[in-house]
Amino acid sequence: MRMITIAAAGAALLLAGAANSQTRPADPPASPPPAAAPQAPSTAPTIRAITVVEIDELPEATRAQVNQLVATRTANELQQLQKAIESAPAVKSAIEAKGFSTRDVVMAEVNDEGELTVVTRRVG
């Protein structure tokens, strides 16, 4: 399965954008960015499906990759991801339906088809 990893800060924007599609778009910058600067997508992809999976259910190779990414994430980035999920009712409901809370979320990924996968690990 081909997945695009979303950094925690990017996930915060993605999930907030997907959950709050009526939010007013950000004002354009006062001056255009330099031509060499990478451009962020203008709109968040539409989330069409949400899958919540516990990290222990992942194949060993995938679990190792997730653990490596989680180990490099700062507490602030993780907090931003969890806050974004709190503000995305559909995502939060899917997590709670599986018996998890937003504190259990360690990663979120979305593929090209708009399928969001939320990886959880029980806290405590």
PDB file of N, CA and C in Angstrom:
ATOM      1  N   MET A   1       0.858  -1.170   0.000  1.00  0.00           N
ATOM      2  CA  MET A   1       0.000   0.000   0.000  1.00  0.00           C
ATOM      3  C   MET A   1       0.900   1.228   0.000  1.00  0.00           C
ATOM      4  N   ARG A   2       0.682   2.085  -0.942  1.00  0.00           N
ATOM      5  CA  ARG A   2       1.486   3.289  -1.065  1.00  0.00           C
ATOM      6  C   ARG A   2       0.864   4.390  -0.223  1.00  0.00           C
ATOM      7  N   MET A   3       1.631   4.900   0.729  1.00  0.00           N
ATOM      8  CA  MET A   3       1.145   5.955   1.613  1.00  0.00           C
ATOM      9  C   MET A   3       2.072   7.158   1.542  1.00  0.00           C
ATOM     10  N   ILE A   4       1.517   8.288   1.748  1.00  0.00           N
ATOM     11  CA  ILE A   4       2.285   9.522   1.845  1.00  0.00           C
ATOM     12  C   ILE A   4       2.294   9.905   3.314  1.00  0.00           C
ATOM     13  N   THR A   5       3.478   9.968   3.886  1.00  0.00           N
ATOM     14  CA  THR A   5       3.579  10.328   5.294  1.00  0.00           C
ATOM     15  C   THR A   5       3.362  11.813   5.458  1.00  0.00           C
ATOM     16  N   ILE A   6       2.589  12.147   6.441  1.00  0.00           N
ATOM     17  CA  ILE A   6       2.303  13.545   6.730  1.00  0.00           C
ATOM     18  C   ILE A   6       3.043  13.908   8.002  1.00  0.00           C
ATOM     19  N   ALA A   7       3.851  14.921   7.937  1.00  0.00           N
ATOM     20  CA  ALA A   7       4.508  15.407   9.147  1.00  0.00           C
ATOM     21  C   ALA A   7       3.437  15.917  10.089  1.00  0.00           C
ATOM     22  N   ALA A   8       3.730  15.894  11.361  1.00  0.00           N
ATOM     23  CA  ALA A   8       2.717  16.275  12.347  1.00  0.00           C
ATOM     24  C   ALA A   8       2.171  17.672  12.095  1.00  0.00           C
ATOM     25  N   ALA A   9       3.029  18.611  11.800  1.00  0.00           N
ATOM     26  CA  ALA A   9       2.542  19.970  11.544  1.00  0.00           C
ATOM     27  C   ALA A   9       1.683  20.002  10.288  1.00  0.00           C
ATOM     28  N   GLY A  10       2.098  19.292   9.268  1.00  0.00           N
ATOM     29  CA  GLY A  10       1.308  19.229   8.047  1.00  0.00           C
ATOM     30  C   GLY A  10      -0.011  18.529   8.289  1.00  0.00           C
ATOM     31  N   ALA A  11       0.015  17.500   9.107  1.00  0.00           N
ATOM     32  CA  ALA A  11      -1.219  16.785   9.430  1.00  0.00           C
ATOM     33  C   ALA A  11      -2.191  17.689  10.155  1.00  0.00           C
ATOM     34  N   ALA A  12      -1.659  18.542  11.003  1.00  0.00           N
ATOM     35  CA  ALA A  12      -2.547  19.466  11.708  1.00  0.00           C
ATOM     36  C   ALA A  12      -3.301  20.332  10.717  1.00  0.00           C
ATOM     37  N   LEU A  13      -2.597  20.834   9.725  1.00  0.00           N
ATOM     38  CA  LEU A  13      -3.253  21.661   8.717  1.00  0.00           C
ATOM     39  C   LEU A  13      -4.188  20.831   7.845  1.00  0.00           C
ATOM     40  N   LEU A  14      -3.743  19.635   7.474  1.00  0.00           N
ATOM     41  CA  LEU A  14      -4.548  18.767   6.628  1.00  0.00           C
ATOM     42  C   LEU A  14      -5.846  18.374   7.314  1.00  0.00           C
ATOM     43  N   LEU A  15      -5.746  17.875   8.519  1.00  0.00           N
ATOM     44  CA  LEU A  15      -6.940  17.421   9.222  1.00  0.00           C
ATOM     45  C   LEU A  15      -7.860  18.580   9.551  1.00  0.00           C
ATOM     46  N   ALA A  16      -7.295  19.689   9.974  1.00  0.00           N
ATOM     47  CA  ALA A  16      -8.129  20.841  10.275  1.00  0.00           C
ATOM     48  C   ALA A  16      -8.823  21.325   9.011  1.00  0.00           C
ATOM     49  N   GLY A  17      -8.115  21.322   7.903  1.00  0.00           N
ATOM     50  CA  GLY A  17      -8.710  21.756   6.639  1.00  0.00           C
ATOM     51  C   GLY A  17      -9.799  20.818   6.175  1.00  0.00           C
ATOM     52  N   ALA A  18      -9.565  19.518   6.312  1.00  0.00           N
ATOM     53  CA  ALA A  18     -10.560  18.541   5.871  1.00  0.00           C
ATOM     54  C   ALA A  18     -11.797  18.573   6.755  1.00  0.00           C
ATOM     55  N   ALA A  19     -11.614  18.804   8.022  1.00  0.00           N
ATOM     56  CA  ALA A  19     -12.744  18.787   8.939  1.00  0.00           C
ATOM     57  C   ALA A  19     -13.526  20.088   8.927  1.00  0.00           C
ATOM     58  N   ASN A  20     -12.861  21.158   8.592  1.00  0.00           N
ATOM     59  CA  ASN A  20     -13.491  22.476   8.637  1.00  0.00           C
ATOM     60  C   ASN A  20     -13.472  23.101   7.257  1.00  0.00           C
ATOM     61  N   SER A  21     -14.106  22.473   6.310  1.00  0.00           N
ATOM     62  CA  SER A  21     -14.025  22.930   4.928  1.00  0.00           C
ATOM     63  C   SER A  21     -14.644  24.302   4.720  1.00  0.00           C
ATOM     64  N   GLN A  22     -15.424  24.796   5.669  1.00  0.00           N
ATOM     65  CA  GLN A  22     -16.015  26.111   5.521  1.00  0.00           C
ATOM     66  C   GLN A  22     -15.163  27.205   6.148  1.00  0.00           C
ATOM     67  N   THR A  23     -14.008  26.838   6.688  1.00  0.00           N
ATOM     68  CA  THR A  23     -13.118  27.827   7.260  1.00  0.00           C
ATOM     69  C   THR A  23     -12.601  28.733   6.159  1.00  0.00           C
ATOM     70  N   ARG A  24     -12.517  30.016   6.453  1.00  0.00           N
ATOM     71  CA  ARG A  24     -12.030  30.986   5.469  1.00  0.00           C
ATOM     72  C   ARG A  24     -10.581  30.677   5.120  1.00  0.00           C
ATOM     73  N   PRO A  25     -10.208  30.675   3.830  1.00  0.00           N
ATOM     74  CA  PRO A  25      -8.825  30.411   3.451  1.00  0.00           C
ATOM     75  C   PRO A  25      -7.903  31.492   3.984  1.00  0.00           C
ATOM     76  N   ALA A  26      -6.650  31.126   4.159  1.00  0.00           N
ATOM     77  CA  ALA A  26      -5.666  32.081   4.667  1.00  0.00           C
ATOM     78  C   ALA A  26      -5.476  33.203   3.660  1.00  0.00           C
ATOM     79  N   ASP A  27      -5.184  34.399   4.173  1.00  0.00           N
ATOM     80  CA  ASP A  27      -4.917  35.528   3.296  1.00  0.00           C
ATOM     81  C   ASP A  27      -3.641  35.251   2.516  1.00  0.00           C
ATOM     82  N   PRO A  28      -3.584  35.687   1.266  1.00  0.00           N
ATOM     83  CA  PRO A  28      -2.363  35.470   0.491  1.00  0.00           C
ATOM     84  C   PRO A  28      -1.225  36.278   1.091  1.00  0.00           C
ATOM     85  N   PRO A  29       0.020  35.808   0.904  1.00  0.00           N
ATOM     86  CA  PRO A  29       1.151  36.558   1.449  1.00  0.00           C
ATOM     87  C   PRO A  29       1.245  37.931   0.798  1.00  0.00           C
ATOM     88  N   ALA A  30       1.844  38.882   1.515  1.00  0.00           N
ATOM     89  CA  ALA A  30       1.964  40.248   1.029  1.00  0.00           C
ATOM     90  C   ALA A  30       2.781  40.307  -0.251  1.00  0.00           C
ATOM     91  N   SER A  31       3.808  39.479  -0.351  1.00  0.00           N
ATOM     92  CA  SER A  31       4.604  39.413  -1.574  1.00  0.00           C
ATOM     93  C   SER A  31       4.775  37.951  -1.945  1.00  0.00           C
ATOM     94  N   PRO A  32       4.896  37.651  -3.231  1.00  0.00           N
ATOM     95  CA  PRO A  32       5.032  36.254  -3.624  1.00  0.00           C
ATOM     96  C   PRO A  32       6.329  35.665  -3.101  1.00  0.00           C
ATOM     97  N   PRO A  33       6.329  34.365  -2.773  1.00  0.00           N
ATOM     98  CA  PRO A  33       7.558  33.740  -2.278  1.00  0.00           C
ATOM     99  C   PRO A  33       8.577  33.639  -3.404  1.00  0.00           C
ATOM    100  N   PRO A  34       9.847  33.476  -3.066  1.00  0.00           N
ATOM    101  CA  PRO A  34      10.870  33.326  -4.097  1.00  0.00           C
ATOM    102  C   PRO A  34      10.534  32.135  -4.989  1.00  0.00           C
ATOM    103  N   ALA A  35      10.943  32.212  -6.247  1.00  0.00           N
ATOM    104  CA  ALA A  35      10.621  31.169  -7.213  1.00  0.00           C
ATOM    105  C   ALA A  35      11.138  29.804  -6.794  1.00  0.00           C
ATOM    106  N   ALA A  36      12.231  29.740  -6.049  1.00  0.00           N
ATOM    107  CA  ALA A  36      12.825  28.463  -5.658  1.00  0.00           C
ATOM    108  C   ALA A  36      12.128  27.840  -4.453  1.00  0.00           C
ATOM    109  N   ALA A  37      11.277  28.576  -3.767  1.00  0.00           N
ATOM    110  CA  ALA A  37      10.613  28.057  -2.569  1.00  0.00           C
ATOM    111  C   ALA A  37       9.550  27.044  -2.963  1.00  0.00           C
ATOM    112  N   PRO A  38       9.506  25.885  -2.271  1.00  0.00           N
ATOM    113  CA  PRO A  38       8.476  24.905  -2.582  1.00  0.00           C
ATOM    114  C   PRO A  38       7.098  25.423  -2.177  1.00  0.00           C
ATOM    115  N   GLN A  39       6.109  25.098  -2.957  1.00  0.00           N
ATOM    116  CA  GLN A  39       4.750  25.538  -2.694  1.00  0.00           C
ATOM    117  C   GLN A  39       3.962  24.440  -1.997  1.00  0.00           C
ATOM    118  N   ALA A  40       3.217  24.779  -0.981  1.00  0.00           N
ATOM    119  CA  ALA A  40       2.323  23.835  -0.318  1.00  0.00           C
ATOM    120  C   ALA A  40       1.067  23.702  -1.172  1.00  0.00           C
ATOM    121  N   PRO A  41       0.406  22.555  -1.128  1.00  0.00           N
ATOM    122  CA  PRO A  41      -0.836  22.424  -1.884  1.00  0.00           C
ATOM    123  C   PRO A  41      -1.837  23.476  -1.433  1.00  0.00           C
ATOM    124  N   SER A  42      -2.613  24.010  -2.388  1.00  0.00           N
ATOM    125  CA  SER A  42      -3.541  25.082  -2.052  1.00  0.00           C
ATOM    126  C   SER A  42      -4.757  24.566  -1.296  1.00  0.00           C
ATOM    127  N   THR A  43      -5.119  23.304  -1.486  1.00  0.00           N
ATOM    128  CA  THR A  43      -6.249  22.744  -0.755  1.00  0.00           C
ATOM    129  C   THR A  43      -5.867  21.392  -0.173  1.00  0.00           C
ATOM    130  N   ALA A  44      -6.425  21.090   0.968  1.00  0.00           N
ATOM    131  CA  ALA A  44      -6.200  19.784   1.582  1.00  0.00           C
ATOM    132  C   ALA A  44      -6.994  18.738   0.813  1.00  0.00           C
ATOM    133  N   PRO A  45      -6.427  17.541   0.664  1.00  0.00           N
ATOM    134  CA  PRO A  45      -7.188  16.509  -0.028  1.00  0.00           C
ATOM    135  C   PRO A  45      -8.444  16.163   0.768  1.00  0.00           C
ATOM    136  N   THR A  46      -9.467  15.773   0.068  1.00  0.00           N
ATOM    137  CA  THR A  46     -10.707  15.371   0.724  1.00  0.00           C
ATOM    138  C   THR A  46     -10.511  13.987   1.322  1.00  0.00           C
ATOM    139  N   ILE A  47     -10.826  13.862   2.593  1.00  0.00           N
ATOM    140  CA  ILE A  47     -10.717  12.566   3.249  1.00  0.00           C
ATOM    141  C   ILE A  47     -11.977  11.776   2.936  1.00  0.00           C
ATOM    142  N   ARG A  48     -11.809  10.654   2.258  1.00  0.00           N
ATOM    143  CA  ARG A  48     -12.931   9.831   1.826  1.00  0.00           C
ATOM    144  C   ARG A  48     -13.188   8.644   2.756  1.00  0.00           C
ATOM    145  N   ALA A  49     -12.146   8.180   3.435  1.00  0.00           N
ATOM    146  CA  ALA A  49     -12.274   7.035   4.343  1.00  0.00           C
ATOM    147  C   ALA A  49     -11.264   7.195   5.465  1.00  0.00           C
ATOM    148  N   ILE A  50     -11.626   6.691   6.645  1.00  0.00           N
ATOM    149  CA  ILE A  50     -10.752   6.773   7.816  1.00  0.00           C
ATOM    150  C   ILE A  50     -10.569   5.367   8.368  1.00  0.00           C
ATOM    151  N   THR A  51      -9.317   4.969   8.532  1.00  0.00           N
ATOM    152  CA  THR A  51      -8.991   3.682   9.134  1.00  0.00           C
ATOM    153  C   THR A  51      -8.147   3.944  10.357  1.00  0.00           C
ATOM    154  N   VAL A  52      -8.542   3.353  11.478  1.00  0.00           N
ATOM    155  CA  VAL A  52      -7.790   3.478  12.724  1.00  0.00           C
ATOM    156  C   VAL A  52      -7.157   2.120  13.000  1.00  0.00           C
ATOM    157  N   VAL A  53      -5.846   2.103  13.185  1.00  0.00           N
ATOM    158  CA  VAL A  53      -5.125   0.857  13.417  1.00  0.00           C
ATOM    159  C   VAL A  53      -4.171   1.026  14.597  1.00  0.00           C
ATOM    160  N   GLU A  54      -4.106   0.010  15.435  1.00  0.00           N
ATOM    161  CA  GLU A  54      -3.161   0.026  16.546  1.00  0.00           C
ATOM    162  C   GLU A  54      -1.795  -0.385  16.005  1.00  0.00           C
ATOM    163  N   ILE A  55      -0.759   0.250  16.483  1.00  0.00           N
ATOM    164  CA  ILE A  55       0.582   0.027  15.951  1.00  0.00           C
ATOM    165  C   ILE A  55       0.981  -1.448  16.003  1.00  0.00           C
ATOM    166  N   ASP A  56       0.537  -2.178  17.016  1.00  0.00           N
ATOM    167  CA  ASP A  56       0.886  -3.591  17.149  1.00  0.00           C
ATOM    168  C   ASP A  56       0.245  -4.452  16.062  1.00  0.00           C
ATOM    169  N   GLU A  57      -0.771  -3.936  15.373  1.00  0.00           N
ATOM    170  CA  GLU A  57      -1.437  -4.683  14.304  1.00  0.00           C
ATOM    171  C   GLU A  57      -0.717  -4.532  12.969  1.00  0.00           C
ATOM    172  N   LEU A  58       0.220  -3.604  12.873  1.00  0.00           N
ATOM    173  CA  LEU A  58       0.933  -3.358  11.622  1.00  0.00           C
ATOM    174  C   LEU A  58       1.963  -4.459  11.359  1.00  0.00           C
ATOM    175  N   PRO A  59       2.256  -4.732  10.085  1.00  0.00           N
ATOM    176  CA  PRO A  59       3.345  -5.663   9.775  1.00  0.00           C
ATOM    177  C   PRO A  59       4.639  -5.153  10.400  1.00  0.00           C
ATOM    178  N   GLU A  60       5.537  -6.064  10.718  1.00  0.00           N
ATOM    179  CA  GLU A  60       6.754  -5.707  11.444  1.00  0.00           C
ATOM    180  C   GLU A  60       7.558  -4.602  10.756  1.00  0.00           C
ATOM    181  N   ALA A  61       7.726  -4.684   9.438  1.00  0.00           N
ATOM    182  CA  ALA A  61       8.508  -3.672   8.721  1.00  0.00           C
ATOM    183  C   ALA A  61       7.840  -2.304   8.808  1.00  0.00           C
ATOM    184  N   THR A  62       6.527  -2.279   8.654  1.00  0.00           N
ATOM    185  CA  THR A  62       5.783  -1.009   8.742  1.00  0.00           C
ATOM    186  C   THR A  62       5.845  -0.457  10.155  1.00  0.00           C
ATOM    187  N   ARG A  63       5.696  -1.337  11.132  1.00  0.00           N
ATOM    188  CA  ARG A  63       5.760  -0.919  12.541  1.00  0.00           C
ATOM    189  C   ARG A  63       7.124  -0.296  12.840  1.00  0.00           C
ATOM    190  N   ALA A  64       8.196  -0.868  12.306  1.00  0.00           N
ATOM    191  CA  ALA A  64       9.538  -0.323  12.520  1.00  0.00           C
ATOM    192  C   ALA A  64       9.659   1.070  11.903  1.00  0.00           C
ATOM    193  N   GLN A  65       9.092   1.257  10.709  1.00  0.00           N
ATOM    194  CA  GLN A  65       9.124   2.575  10.065  1.00  0.00           C
ATOM    195  C   GLN A  65       8.345   3.604  10.882  1.00  0.00           C
ATOM    196  N   VAL A  66       7.175   3.220  11.361  1.00  0.00           N
ATOM    197  CA  VAL A  66       6.356   4.130  12.163  1.00  0.00           C
ATOM    198  C   VAL A  66       7.096   4.482  13.449  1.00  0.00           C
ATOM    199  N   ASN A  67       7.660   3.484  14.113  1.00  0.00           N
ATOM    200  CA  ASN A  67       8.399   3.750  15.351  1.00  0.00           C
ATOM    201  C   ASN A  67       9.573   4.689  15.108  1.00  0.00           C
ATOM    202  N   GLN A  68      10.250   4.532  13.971  1.00  0.00           N
ATOM    203  CA  GLN A  68      11.368   5.413  13.648  1.00  0.00           C
ATOM    204  C   GLN A  68      10.888   6.846  13.443  1.00  0.00           C
ATOM    205  N   LEU A  69       9.785   7.015  12.720  1.00  0.00           N
ATOM    206  CA  LEU A  69       9.248   8.363  12.509  1.00  0.00           C
ATOM    207  C   LEU A  69       8.762   8.983  13.817  1.00  0.00           C
ATOM    208  N   VAL A  70       8.103   8.199  14.631  1.00  0.00           N
ATOM    209  CA  VAL A  70       7.591   8.699  15.911  1.00  0.00           C
ATOM    210  C   VAL A  70       8.747   9.114  16.820  1.00  0.00           C
ATOM    211  N   ALA A  71       9.852   8.385  16.765  1.00  0.00           N
ATOM    212  CA  ALA A  71      11.007   8.694  17.606  1.00  0.00           C
ATOM    213  C   ALA A  71      11.641  10.025  17.242  1.00  0.00           C
ATOM    214  N   THR A  72      11.495  10.457  15.990  1.00  0.00           N
ATOM    215  CA  THR A  72      12.100  11.721  15.569  1.00  0.00           C
ATOM    216  C   THR A  72      11.162  12.913  15.746  1.00  0.00           C
ATOM    217  N   ARG A  73       9.929  12.650  16.094  1.00  0.00           N
ATOM    218  CA  ARG A  73       8.923  13.714  16.243  1.00  0.00           C
ATOM    219  C   ARG A  73       9.066  14.382  17.612  1.00  0.00           C
ATOM    220  N   THR A  74       8.902  15.685  17.617  1.00  0.00           N
ATOM    221  CA  THR A  74       8.954  16.412  18.889  1.00  0.00           C
ATOM    222  C   THR A  74       7.611  16.296  19.605  1.00  0.00           C
ATOM    223  N   ALA A  75       7.628  16.561  20.884  1.00  0.00           N
ATOM    224  CA  ALA A  75       6.383  16.532  21.660  1.00  0.00           C
ATOM    225  C   ALA A  75       5.402  17.571  21.115  1.00  0.00           C
ATOM    226  N   ASN A  76       5.910  18.711  20.676  1.00  0.00           N
ATOM    227  CA  ASN A  76       5.059  19.765  20.125  1.00  0.00           C
ATOM    228  C   ASN A  76       4.389  19.298  18.829  1.00  0.00           C
ATOM    229  N   GLU A  77       5.122  18.621  17.964  1.00  0.00           N
ATOM    230  CA  GLU A  77       4.545  18.109  16.716  1.00  0.00           C
ATOM    231  C   GLU A  77       3.444  17.093  16.996  1.00  0.00           C
ATOM    232  N   LEU A  78       3.696  16.209  17.936  1.00  0.00           N
ATOM    233  CA  LEU A  78       2.688  15.214  18.304  1.00  0.00           C
ATOM    234  C   LEU A  78       1.463  15.898  18.889  1.00  0.00           C
ATOM    235  N   GLN A  79       1.670  16.900  19.707  1.00  0.00           N
ATOM    236  CA  GLN A  79       0.569  17.647  20.300  1.00  0.00           C
ATOM    237  C   GLN A  79      -0.248  18.361  19.219  1.00  0.00           C
ATOM    238  N   GLN A  80       0.413  18.907  18.202  1.00  0.00           N
ATOM    239  CA  GLN A  80      -0.286  19.561  17.096  1.00  0.00           C
ATOM    240  C   GLN A  80      -1.151  18.561  16.329  1.00  0.00           C
ATOM    241  N   LEU A  81      -0.622  17.368  16.099  1.00  0.00           N
ATOM    242  CA  LEU A  81      -1.383  16.332  15.416  1.00  0.00           C
ATOM    243  C   LEU A  81      -2.623  15.967  16.224  1.00  0.00           C
ATOM    244  N   GLN A  82      -2.441  15.737  17.497  1.00  0.00           N
ATOM    245  CA  GLN A  82      -3.554  15.355  18.361  1.00  0.00           C
ATOM    246  C   GLN A  82      -4.585  16.476  18.462  1.00  0.00           C
ATOM    247  N   LYS A  83      -4.129  17.722  18.491  1.00  0.00           N
ATOM    248  CA  LYS A  83      -5.046  18.865  18.533  1.00  0.00           C
ATOM    249  C   LYS A  83      -5.843  18.955  17.229  1.00  0.00           C
ATOM    250  N   ALA A  84      -5.194  18.697  16.104  1.00  0.00           N
ATOM    251  CA  ALA A  84      -5.888  18.718  14.814  1.00  0.00           C
ATOM    252  C   ALA A  84      -6.975  17.651  14.770  1.00  0.00           C
ATOM    253  N   ILE A  85      -6.685  16.498  15.330  1.00  0.00           N
ATOM    254  CA  ILE A  85      -7.679  15.421  15.358  1.00  0.00           C
ATOM    255  C   ILE A  85      -8.842  15.805  16.262  1.00  0.00           C
ATOM    256  N   GLU A  86      -8.556  16.465  17.368  1.00  0.00           N
ATOM    257  CA  GLU A  86      -9.616  16.945  18.263  1.00  0.00           C
ATOM    258  C   GLU A  86     -10.585  17.860  17.523  1.00  0.00           C
ATOM    259  N   SER A  87     -10.058  18.623  16.553  1.00  0.00           N
ATOM    260  CA  SER A  87     -10.908  19.569  15.837  1.00  0.00           C
ATOM    261  C   SER A  87     -11.510  18.973  14.563  1.00  0.00           C
ATOM    262  N   ALA A  88     -11.288  17.693  14.330  1.00  0.00           N
ATOM    263  CA  ALA A  88     -11.854  17.003  13.157  1.00  0.00           C
ATOM    264  C   ALA A  88     -12.837  15.952  13.655  1.00  0.00           C
ATOM    265  N   PRO A  89     -14.128  16.314  13.796  1.00  0.00           N
ATOM    266  CA  PRO A  89     -15.104  15.417  14.416  1.00  0.00           C
ATOM    267  C   PRO A  89     -15.171  14.020  13.805  1.00  0.00           C
ATOM    268  N   ALA A  90     -15.103  13.899  12.501  1.00  0.00           N
ATOM    269  CA  ALA A  90     -15.203  12.579  11.869  1.00  0.00           C
ATOM    270  C   ALA A  90     -14.012  11.705  12.244  1.00  0.00           C
ATOM    271  N   VAL A  91     -12.833  12.284  12.277  1.00  0.00           N
ATOM    272  CA  VAL A  91     -11.627  11.534  12.626  1.00  0.00           C
ATOM    273  C   VAL A  91     -11.661  11.163  14.099  1.00  0.00           C
ATOM    274  N   LYS A  92     -12.017  12.116  14.939  1.00  0.00           N
ATOM    275  CA  LYS A  92     -12.090  11.854  16.379  1.00  0.00           C
ATOM    276  C   LYS A  92     -13.100  10.754  16.674  1.00  0.00           C
ATOM    277  N   SER A  93     -14.251  10.782  16.013  1.00  0.00           N
ATOM    278  CA  SER A  93     -15.275   9.756  16.221  1.00  0.00           C
ATOM    279  C   SER A  93     -14.781   8.372  15.797  1.00  0.00           C
ATOM    280  N   ALA A  94     -14.055   8.318  14.685  1.00  0.00           N
ATOM    281  CA  ALA A  94     -13.529   7.033  14.219  1.00  0.00           C
ATOM    282  C   ALA A  94     -12.532   6.461  15.223  1.00  0.00           C
ATOM    283  N   ILE A  95     -11.723   7.320  15.811  1.00  0.00           N
ATOM    284  CA  ILE A  95     -10.749   6.884  16.812  1.00  0.00           C
ATOM    285  C   ILE A  95     -11.460   6.385  18.062  1.00  0.00           C
ATOM    286  N   GLU A  96     -12.442   7.144  18.522  1.00  0.00           N
ATOM    287  CA  GLU A  96     -13.184   6.758  19.723  1.00  0.00           C
ATOM    288  C   GLU A  96     -14.002   5.485  19.499  1.00  0.00           C
ATOM    289  N   ALA A  97     -14.499   5.268  18.290  1.00  0.00           N
ATOM    290  CA  ALA A  97     -15.265   4.057  17.983  1.00  0.00           C
ATOM    291  C   ALA A  97     -14.398   2.806  18.117  1.00  0.00           C
ATOM    292  N   LYS A  98     -13.094   2.953  17.954  1.00  0.00           N
ATOM    293  CA  LYS A  98     -12.166   1.830  18.106  1.00  0.00           C
ATOM    294  C   LYS A  98     -11.652   1.707  19.540  1.00  0.00           C
ATOM    295  N   GLY A  99     -12.142   2.564  20.436  1.00  0.00           N
ATOM    296  CA  GLY A  99     -11.745   2.487  21.840  1.00  0.00           C
ATOM    297  C   GLY A  99     -10.489   3.263  22.182  1.00  0.00           C
ATOM    298  N   PHE A 100     -10.095   4.176  21.324  1.00  0.00           N
ATOM    299  CA  PHE A 100      -8.904   4.986  21.563  1.00  0.00           C
ATOM    300  C   PHE A 100      -9.305   6.431  21.824  1.00  0.00           C
ATOM    301  N   SER A 101      -8.336   7.219  22.288  1.00  0.00           N
ATOM    302  CA  SER A 101      -8.542   8.652  22.428  1.00  0.00           C
ATOM    303  C   SER A 101      -7.484   9.348  21.576  1.00  0.00           C
ATOM    304  N   THR A 102      -7.621  10.648  21.429  1.00  0.00           N
ATOM    305  CA  THR A 102      -6.642  11.384  20.630  1.00  0.00           C
ATOM    306  C   THR A 102      -5.247  11.310  21.244  1.00  0.00           C
ATOM    307  N   ARG A 103      -5.154  11.090  22.551  1.00  0.00           N
ATOM    308  CA  ARG A 103      -3.839  10.943  23.196  1.00  0.00           C
ATOM    309  C   ARG A 103      -3.123   9.693  22.712  1.00  0.00           C
ATOM    310  N   ASP A 104      -3.871   8.715  22.191  1.00  0.00           N
ATOM    311  CA  ASP A 104      -3.284   7.474  21.709  1.00  0.00           C
ATOM    312  C   ASP A 104      -2.728   7.585  20.285  1.00  0.00           C
ATOM    313  N   VAL A 105      -3.039   8.656  19.586  1.00  0.00           N
ATOM    314  CA  VAL A 105      -2.621   8.811  18.189  1.00  0.00           C
ATOM    315  C   VAL A 105      -1.133   9.142  18.130  1.00  0.00           C
ATOM    316  N   VAL A 106      -0.399   8.394  17.284  1.00  0.00           N
ATOM    317  CA  VAL A 106       1.026   8.653  17.109  1.00  0.00           C
ATOM    318  C   VAL A 106       1.360   9.103  15.699  1.00  0.00           C
ATOM    319  N   MET A 107       0.452   8.852  14.739  1.00  0.00           N
ATOM    320  CA  MET A 107       0.736   9.202  13.357  1.00  0.00           C
ATOM    321  C   MET A 107      -0.542   9.200  12.540  1.00  0.00           C
ATOM    322  N   ALA A 108      -0.552  10.005  11.488  1.00  0.00           N
ATOM    323  CA  ALA A 108      -1.665  10.008  10.539  1.00  0.00           C
ATOM    324  C   ALA A 108      -1.081  10.061   9.139  1.00  0.00           C
ATOM    325  N   GLU A 109      -1.652   9.273   8.250  1.00  0.00           N
ATOM    326  CA  GLU A 109      -1.195   9.223   6.864  1.00  0.00           C
ATOM    327  C   GLU A 109      -2.402   9.261   5.951  1.00  0.00           C
ATOM    328  N   VAL A 110      -2.228   9.857   4.787  1.00  0.00           N
ATOM    329  CA  VAL A 110      -3.303   9.865   3.800  1.00  0.00           C
ATOM    330  C   VAL A 110      -2.697   9.468   2.458  1.00  0.00           C
ATOM    331  N   ASN A 111      -3.416   8.634   1.709  1.00  0.00           N
ATOM    332  CA  ASN A 111      -2.903   8.255   0.394  1.00  0.00           C
ATOM    333  C   ASN A 111      -3.534   9.113  -0.687  1.00  0.00           C
ATOM    334  N   ASP A 112      -3.166   8.850  -1.910  1.00  0.00           N
ATOM    335  CA  ASP A 112      -3.634   9.676  -3.034  1.00  0.00           C
ATOM    336  C   ASP A 112      -5.140   9.602  -3.238  1.00  0.00           C
ATOM    337  N   GLU A 113      -5.774   8.549  -2.754  1.00  0.00           N
ATOM    338  CA  GLU A 113      -7.217   8.385  -2.915  1.00  0.00           C
ATOM    339  C   GLU A 113      -8.017   9.017  -1.779  1.00  0.00           C
ATOM    340  N   GLY A 114      -7.344   9.662  -0.831  1.00  0.00           N
ATOM    341  CA  GLY A 114      -8.033  10.316   0.276  1.00  0.00           C
ATOM    342  C   GLY A 114      -8.358   9.385   1.426  1.00  0.00           C
ATOM    343  N   GLU A 115      -7.670   8.257   1.497  1.00  0.00           N
ATOM    344  CA  GLU A 115      -7.881   7.313   2.599  1.00  0.00           C
ATOM    345  C   GLU A 115      -6.925   7.674   3.733  1.00  0.00           C
ATOM    346  N   LEU A 116      -7.485   8.091   4.846  1.00  0.00           N
ATOM    347  CA  LEU A 116      -6.701   8.487   6.010  1.00  0.00           C
ATOM    348  C   LEU A 116      -6.504   7.284   6.910  1.00  0.00           C
ATOM    349  N   THR A 117      -5.259   7.018   7.269  1.00  0.00           N
ATOM    350  CA  THR A 117      -4.939   5.962   8.233  1.00  0.00           C
ATOM    351  C   THR A 117      -4.379   6.627   9.468  1.00  0.00           C
ATOM    352  N   VAL A 118      -4.994   6.341  10.602  1.00  0.00           N
ATOM    353  CA  VAL A 118      -4.552   6.887  11.886  1.00  0.00           C
ATOM    354  C   VAL A 118      -3.940   5.738  12.672  1.00  0.00           C
ATOM    355  N   VAL A 119      -2.675   5.891  13.084  1.00  0.00           N
ATOM    356  CA  VAL A 119      -1.978   4.874  13.843  1.00  0.00           C
ATOM    357  C   VAL A 119      -2.020   5.258  15.308  1.00  0.00           C
ATOM    358  N   THR A 120      -2.408   4.293  16.138  1.00  0.00           N
ATOM    359  CA  THR A 120      -2.557   4.553  17.574  1.00  0.00           C
ATOM    360  C   THR A 120      -1.660   3.623  18.384  1.00  0.00           C
ATOM    361  N   ARG A 121      -1.394   4.034  19.610  1.00  0.00           N
ATOM    362  CA  ARG A 121      -0.681   3.223  20.603  1.00  0.00           C
ATOM    363  C   ARG A 121      -1.297   3.573  21.944  1.00  0.00           C
ATOM    364  N   ARG A 122      -1.737   2.572  22.662  1.00  0.00           N
ATOM    365  CA  ARG A 122      -2.361   2.821  23.973  1.00  0.00           C
ATOM    366  C   ARG A 122      -1.405   3.543  24.907  1.00  0.00           C
ATOM    367  N   VAL A 123      -1.882   4.618  25.502  1.00  0.00           N
ATOM    368  CA  VAL A 123      -1.092   5.387  26.455  1.00  0.00           C
ATOM    369  C   VAL A 123      -1.304   4.780  27.834  1.00  0.00           C
ATOM    370  N   GLY A 124      -0.173   4.591  28.517  1.00  0.00           N
ATOM    371  CA  GLY A 124      -0.220   4.209  29.900  1.00  0.00           C
ATOM    372  C   GLY A 124      -0.497   2.837  30.219  1.00  0.00           C
TER     373      GLY A 124
END
